Amino acid sequence: MKKVAKSILKDLKQGKDKKDRVMLYLDKDVRGRLKKFCSSEKIRMSDLVERIIEKFLDDITGK
């Protein structure tokens, strides 16, 4: 999982932007941890969540 996380962070820092708006509800503690991490890495939370979901779907669908 660490390898996947590193590749996600690398891609996010390069920046690719074609977005649609989606609302997500997160636990306050999870959101706080995510916000703190994204601030320290200087990336947007929405970009990180998008990449995580994308990798998950690729793994599930076998792409």
PDB file of N, CA and C in Angstrom:
ATOM      1  N   MET A   1       0.817  -1.195   0.000  1.00  0.00           N
ATOM      2  CA  MET A   1       0.000   0.000   0.000  1.00  0.00           C
ATOM      3  C   MET A   1       0.860   1.258   0.000  1.00  0.00           C
ATOM      4  N   LYS A   2       2.037   1.208   0.637  1.00  0.00           N
ATOM      5  CA  LYS A   2       2.894   2.389   0.665  1.00  0.00           C
ATOM      6  C   LYS A   2       3.345   2.773  -0.734  1.00  0.00           C
ATOM      7  N   LYS A   3       3.592   1.781  -1.588  1.00  0.00           N
ATOM      8  CA  LYS A   3       4.016   2.054  -2.959  1.00  0.00           C
ATOM      9  C   LYS A   3       2.912   2.791  -3.719  1.00  0.00           C
ATOM     10  N   VAL A   4       1.678   2.349  -3.542  1.00  0.00           N
ATOM     11  CA  VAL A   4       0.535   3.002  -4.178  1.00  0.00           C
ATOM     12  C   VAL A   4       0.392   4.427  -3.666  1.00  0.00           C
ATOM     13  N   ALA A   5       0.523   4.599  -2.359  1.00  0.00           N
ATOM     14  CA  ALA A   5       0.401   5.933  -1.762  1.00  0.00           C
ATOM     15  C   ALA A   5       1.461   6.877  -2.318  1.00  0.00           C
ATOM     16  N   LYS A   6       2.675   6.397  -2.458  1.00  0.00           N
ATOM     17  CA  LYS A   6       3.748   7.239  -2.992  1.00  0.00           C
ATOM     18  C   LYS A   6       3.475   7.629  -4.440  1.00  0.00           C
ATOM     19  N   SER A   7       2.953   6.696  -5.236  1.00  0.00           N
ATOM     20  CA  SER A   7       2.658   7.027  -6.638  1.00  0.00           C
ATOM     21  C   SER A   7       1.505   8.021  -6.740  1.00  0.00           C
ATOM     22  N   ILE A   8       0.523   7.899  -5.850  1.00  0.00           N
ATOM     23  CA  ILE A   8      -0.587   8.854  -5.820  1.00  0.00           C
ATOM     24  C   ILE A   8      -0.067  10.250  -5.500  1.00  0.00           C
ATOM     25  N   LEU A   9       0.768  10.354  -4.475  1.00  0.00           N
ATOM     26  CA  LEU A   9       1.316  11.657  -4.091  1.00  0.00           C
ATOM     27  C   LEU A   9       2.150  12.261  -5.214  1.00  0.00           C
ATOM     28  N   LYS A  10       2.933  11.435  -5.882  1.00  0.00           N
ATOM     29  CA  LYS A  10       3.761  11.924  -6.992  1.00  0.00           C
ATOM     30  C   LYS A  10       2.884  12.487  -8.109  1.00  0.00           C
ATOM     31  N   ASP A  11       1.834  11.756  -8.473  1.00  0.00           N
ATOM     32  CA  ASP A  11       0.922  12.213  -9.521  1.00  0.00           C
ATOM     33  C   ASP A  11       0.224  13.512  -9.138  1.00  0.00           C
ATOM     34  N   LEU A  12      -0.186  13.616  -7.885  1.00  0.00           N
ATOM     35  CA  LEU A  12      -0.903  14.806  -7.436  1.00  0.00           C
ATOM     36  C   LEU A  12      -0.029  16.046  -7.477  1.00  0.00           C
ATOM     37  N   LYS A  13       1.223  15.875  -7.138  1.00  0.00           N
ATOM     38  CA  LYS A  13       2.126  17.022  -7.128  1.00  0.00           C
ATOM     39  C   LYS A  13       2.416  17.519  -8.540  1.00  0.00           C
ATOM     40  N   GLN A  14       2.258  16.644  -9.538  1.00  0.00           N
ATOM     41  CA  GLN A  14       2.440  17.054 -10.929  1.00  0.00           C
ATOM     42  C   GLN A  14       1.227  17.831 -11.428  1.00  0.00           C
ATOM     43  N   GLY A  15       0.064  17.548 -10.862  1.00  0.00           N
ATOM     44  CA  GLY A  15      -1.152  18.297 -11.150  1.00  0.00           C
ATOM     45  C   GLY A  15      -1.826  17.972 -12.474  1.00  0.00           C
ATOM     46  N   LYS A  16      -3.002  17.415 -12.370  1.00  0.00           N
ATOM     47  CA  LYS A  16      -3.871  17.164 -13.523  1.00  0.00           C
ATOM     48  C   LYS A  16      -5.255  17.618 -13.084  1.00  0.00           C
ATOM     49  N   ASP A  17      -5.941  18.420 -13.906  1.00  0.00           N
ATOM     50  CA  ASP A  17      -7.182  19.023 -13.422  1.00  0.00           C
ATOM     51  C   ASP A  17      -8.327  18.927 -14.426  1.00  0.00           C
ATOM     52  N   LYS A  18      -9.181  17.922 -14.268  1.00  0.00           N
ATOM     53  CA  LYS A  18     -10.439  17.798 -15.010  1.00  0.00           C
ATOM     54  C   LYS A  18     -11.469  17.292 -14.002  1.00  0.00           C
ATOM     55  N   LYS A  19     -12.178  18.199 -13.387  1.00  0.00           N
ATOM     56  CA  LYS A  19     -12.957  17.868 -12.201  1.00  0.00           C
ATOM     57  C   LYS A  19     -14.462  18.003 -12.388  1.00  0.00           C
ATOM     58  N   ASP A  20     -15.199  17.197 -11.654  1.00  0.00           N
ATOM     59  CA  ASP A  20     -16.631  17.283 -11.447  1.00  0.00           C
ATOM     60  C   ASP A  20     -16.836  17.398  -9.946  1.00  0.00           C
ATOM     61  N   ARG A  21     -17.890  18.029  -9.521  1.00  0.00           N
ATOM     62  CA  ARG A  21     -18.113  18.208  -8.086  1.00  0.00           C
ATOM     63  C   ARG A  21     -18.896  17.027  -7.514  1.00  0.00           C
ATOM     64  N   VAL A  22     -18.406  16.487  -6.396  1.00  0.00           N
ATOM     65  CA  VAL A  22     -19.055  15.392  -5.679  1.00  0.00           C
ATOM     66  C   VAL A  22     -18.971  15.706  -4.193  1.00  0.00           C
ATOM     67  N   MET A  23     -20.064  15.498  -3.483  1.00  0.00           N
ATOM     68  CA  MET A  23     -20.077  15.736  -2.037  1.00  0.00           C
ATOM     69  C   MET A  23     -19.756  14.432  -1.307  1.00  0.00           C
ATOM     70  N   LEU A  24     -18.869  14.510  -0.327  1.00  0.00           N
ATOM     71  CA  LEU A  24     -18.531  13.364   0.511  1.00  0.00           C
ATOM     72  C   LEU A  24     -18.717  13.748   1.967  1.00  0.00           C
ATOM     73  N   TYR A  25     -19.184  12.820   2.754  1.00  0.00           N
ATOM     74  CA  TYR A  25     -19.292  13.029   4.184  1.00  0.00           C
ATOM     75  C   TYR A  25     -18.256  12.150   4.860  1.00  0.00           C
ATOM     76  N   LEU A  26     -17.378  12.771   5.635  1.00  0.00           N
ATOM     77  CA  LEU A  26     -16.316  12.053   6.329  1.00  0.00           C
ATOM     78  C   LEU A  26     -16.448  12.262   7.825  1.00  0.00           C
ATOM     79  N   ASP A  27     -16.019  11.279   8.567  1.00  0.00           N
ATOM     80  CA  ASP A  27     -15.921  11.397  10.012  1.00  0.00           C
ATOM     81  C   ASP A  27     -15.002  12.578  10.332  1.00  0.00           C
ATOM     82  N   LYS A  28     -15.327  13.333  11.379  1.00  0.00           N
ATOM     83  CA  LYS A  28     -14.541  14.527  11.727  1.00  0.00           C
ATOM     84  C   LYS A  28     -13.075  14.202  11.979  1.00  0.00           C
ATOM     85  N   ASP A  29     -12.814  13.093  12.648  1.00  0.00           N
ATOM     86  CA  ASP A  29     -11.427  12.716  12.934  1.00  0.00           C
ATOM     87  C   ASP A  29     -10.665  12.372  11.650  1.00  0.00           C
ATOM     88  N   VAL A  30     -11.323  11.628  10.769  1.00  0.00           N
ATOM     89  CA  VAL A  30     -10.700  11.257   9.496  1.00  0.00           C
ATOM     90  C   VAL A  30     -10.430  12.514   8.672  1.00  0.00           C
ATOM     91  N   ARG A  31     -11.399  13.413   8.613  1.00  0.00           N
ATOM     92  CA  ARG A  31     -11.237  14.652   7.857  1.00  0.00           C
ATOM     93  C   ARG A  31     -10.088  15.482   8.420  1.00  0.00           C
ATOM     94  N   GLY A  32      -9.998  15.556   9.737  1.00  0.00           N
ATOM     95  CA  GLY A  32      -8.917  16.308  10.367  1.00  0.00           C
ATOM     96  C   GLY A  32      -7.550  15.742  10.034  1.00  0.00           C
ATOM     97  N   ARG A  33      -7.429  14.427  10.109  1.00  0.00           N
ATOM     98  CA  ARG A  33      -6.155  13.778   9.775  1.00  0.00           C
ATOM     99  C   ARG A  33      -5.802  13.978   8.306  1.00  0.00           C
ATOM    100  N   LEU A  34      -6.814  13.850   7.448  1.00  0.00           N
ATOM    101  CA  LEU A  34      -6.602  14.034   6.014  1.00  0.00           C
ATOM    102  C   LEU A  34      -6.180  15.472   5.707  1.00  0.00           C
ATOM    103  N   LYS A  35      -6.846  16.423   6.333  1.00  0.00           N
ATOM    104  CA  LYS A  35      -6.520  17.838   6.122  1.00  0.00           C
ATOM    105  C   LYS A  35      -5.096  18.147   6.575  1.00  0.00           C
ATOM    106  N   LYS A  36      -4.719  17.619   7.723  1.00  0.00           N
ATOM    107  CA  LYS A  36      -3.371  17.843   8.252  1.00  0.00           C
ATOM    108  C   LYS A  36      -2.321  17.246   7.311  1.00  0.00           C
ATOM    109  N   PHE A  37      -2.572  16.033   6.844  1.00  0.00           N
ATOM    110  CA  PHE A  37      -1.635  15.380   5.931  1.00  0.00           C
ATOM    111  C   PHE A  37      -1.508  16.161   4.627  1.00  0.00           C
ATOM    112  N   CYS A  38      -2.637  16.538   4.048  1.00  0.00           N
ATOM    113  CA  CYS A  38      -2.622  17.261   2.772  1.00  0.00           C
ATOM    114  C   CYS A  38      -1.944  18.621   2.912  1.00  0.00           C
ATOM    115  N   SER A  39      -2.136  19.272   4.027  1.00  0.00           N
ATOM    116  CA  SER A  39      -1.467  20.558   4.262  1.00  0.00           C
ATOM    117  C   SER A  39       0.040  20.378   4.309  1.00  0.00           C
ATOM    118  N   SER A  40       0.488  19.340   4.974  1.00  0.00           N
ATOM    119  CA  SER A  40       1.929  19.113   5.086  1.00  0.00           C
ATOM    120  C   SER A  40       2.543  18.723   3.742  1.00  0.00           C
ATOM    121  N   GLU A  41       1.779  18.042   2.888  1.00  0.00           N
ATOM    122  CA  GLU A  41       2.262  17.629   1.564  1.00  0.00           C
ATOM    123  C   GLU A  41       1.988  18.680   0.486  1.00  0.00           C
ATOM    124  N   LYS A  42       1.238  19.717   0.855  1.00  0.00           N
ATOM    125  CA  LYS A  42       0.867  20.803  -0.073  1.00  0.00           C
ATOM    126  C   LYS A  42       0.100  20.288  -1.289  1.00  0.00           C
ATOM    127  N   ILE A  43      -0.926  19.465  -1.007  1.00  0.00           N
ATOM    128  CA  ILE A  43      -1.825  18.972  -2.049  1.00  0.00           C
ATOM    129  C   ILE A  43      -3.256  19.199  -1.593  1.00  0.00           C
ATOM    130  N   ARG A  44      -4.184  19.190  -2.546  1.00  0.00           N
ATOM    131  CA  ARG A  44      -5.592  19.392  -2.193  1.00  0.00           C
ATOM    132  C   ARG A  44      -6.208  18.074  -1.733  1.00  0.00           C
ATOM    133  N   MET A  45      -7.058  18.171  -0.706  1.00  0.00           N
ATOM    134  CA  MET A  45      -7.725  16.972  -0.197  1.00  0.00           C
ATOM    135  C   MET A  45      -8.548  16.308  -1.289  1.00  0.00           C
ATOM    136  N   SER A  46      -9.254  17.097  -2.076  1.00  0.00           N
ATOM    137  CA  SER A  46     -10.108  16.527  -3.124  1.00  0.00           C
ATOM    138  C   SER A  46      -9.295  15.726  -4.140  1.00  0.00           C
ATOM    139  N   ASP A  47      -8.099  16.204  -4.458  1.00  0.00           N
ATOM    140  CA  ASP A  47      -7.247  15.469  -5.398  1.00  0.00           C
ATOM    141  C   ASP A  47      -6.804  14.129  -4.824  1.00  0.00           C
ATOM    142  N   LEU A  48      -6.449  14.130  -3.560  1.00  0.00           N
ATOM    143  CA  LEU A  48      -6.017  12.892  -2.914  1.00  0.00           C
ATOM    144  C   LEU A  48      -7.161  11.885  -2.839  1.00  0.00           C
ATOM    145  N   VAL A  49      -8.339  12.338  -2.433  1.00  0.00           N
ATOM    146  CA  VAL A  49      -9.499  11.447  -2.342  1.00  0.00           C
ATOM    147  C   VAL A  49      -9.838  10.882  -3.721  1.00  0.00           C
ATOM    148  N   GLU A  50      -9.771  11.727  -4.743  1.00  0.00           N
ATOM    149  CA  GLU A  50     -10.047  11.269  -6.103  1.00  0.00           C
ATOM    150  C   GLU A  50      -9.078  10.168  -6.517  1.00  0.00           C
ATOM    151  N   ARG A  51      -7.792  10.355  -6.268  1.00  0.00           N
ATOM    152  CA  ARG A  51      -6.789   9.359  -6.652  1.00  0.00           C
ATOM    153  C   ARG A  51      -6.979   8.063  -5.895  1.00  0.00           C
ATOM    154  N   ILE A  52      -7.300   8.147  -4.613  1.00  0.00           N
ATOM    155  CA  ILE A  52      -7.527   6.940  -3.812  1.00  0.00           C
ATOM    156  C   ILE A  52      -8.706   6.154  -4.381  1.00  0.00           C
ATOM    157  N   ILE A  53      -9.792   6.844  -4.698  1.00  0.00           N
ATOM    158  CA  ILE A  53     -10.968   6.182  -5.267  1.00  0.00           C
ATOM    159  C   ILE A  53     -10.632   5.584  -6.630  1.00  0.00           C
ATOM    160  N   GLU A  54      -9.897   6.329  -7.440  1.00  0.00           N
ATOM    161  CA  GLU A  54      -9.500   5.841  -8.765  1.00  0.00           C
ATOM    162  C   GLU A  54      -8.676   4.560  -8.666  1.00  0.00           C
ATOM    163  N   LYS A  55      -7.684   4.532  -7.771  1.00  0.00           N
ATOM    164  CA  LYS A  55      -6.852   3.329  -7.585  1.00  0.00           C
ATOM    165  C   LYS A  55      -7.693   2.159  -7.083  1.00  0.00           C
ATOM    166  N   PHE A  56      -8.621   2.438  -6.163  1.00  0.00           N
ATOM    167  CA  PHE A  56      -9.508   1.410  -5.636  1.00  0.00           C
ATOM    168  C   PHE A  56     -10.338   0.799  -6.770  1.00  0.00           C
ATOM    169  N   LEU A  57     -10.936   1.647  -7.598  1.00  0.00           N
ATOM    170  CA  LEU A  57     -11.760   1.157  -8.703  1.00  0.00           C
ATOM    171  C   LEU A  57     -10.938   0.381  -9.724  1.00  0.00           C
ATOM    172  N   ASP A  58      -9.727   0.839  -9.985  1.00  0.00           N
ATOM    173  CA  ASP A  58      -8.846   0.103 -10.899  1.00  0.00           C
ATOM    174  C   ASP A  58      -8.531  -1.286 -10.356  1.00  0.00           C
ATOM    175  N   ASP A  59      -8.279  -1.381  -9.055  1.00  0.00           N
ATOM    176  CA  ASP A  59      -7.997  -2.679  -8.437  1.00  0.00           C
ATOM    177  C   ASP A  59      -9.214  -3.596  -8.480  1.00  0.00           C
ATOM    178  N   ILE A  60     -10.386  -3.041  -8.208  1.00  0.00           N
ATOM    179  CA  ILE A  60     -11.614  -3.838  -8.160  1.00  0.00           C
ATOM    180  C   ILE A  60     -12.018  -4.317  -9.555  1.00  0.00           C
ATOM    181  N   THR A  61     -11.916  -3.430 -10.540  1.00  0.00           N
ATOM    182  CA  THR A  61     -12.361  -3.781 -11.893  1.00  0.00           C
ATOM    183  C   THR A  61     -11.267  -4.434 -12.721  1.00  0.00           C
ATOM    184  N   GLY A  62     -10.046  -4.454 -12.197  1.00  0.00           N
ATOM    185  CA  GLY A  62      -8.949  -5.113 -12.887  1.00  0.00           C
ATOM    186  C   GLY A  62      -8.338  -4.322 -14.021  1.00  0.00           C
ATOM    187  N   LYS A  63      -8.476  -3.026 -13.989  1.00  0.00           N
ATOM    188  CA  LYS A  63      -7.890  -2.185 -15.055  1.00  0.00           C
ATOM    189  C   LYS A  63      -6.482  -1.806 -14.733  1.00  0.00           C
TER     190      LYS A  63
END
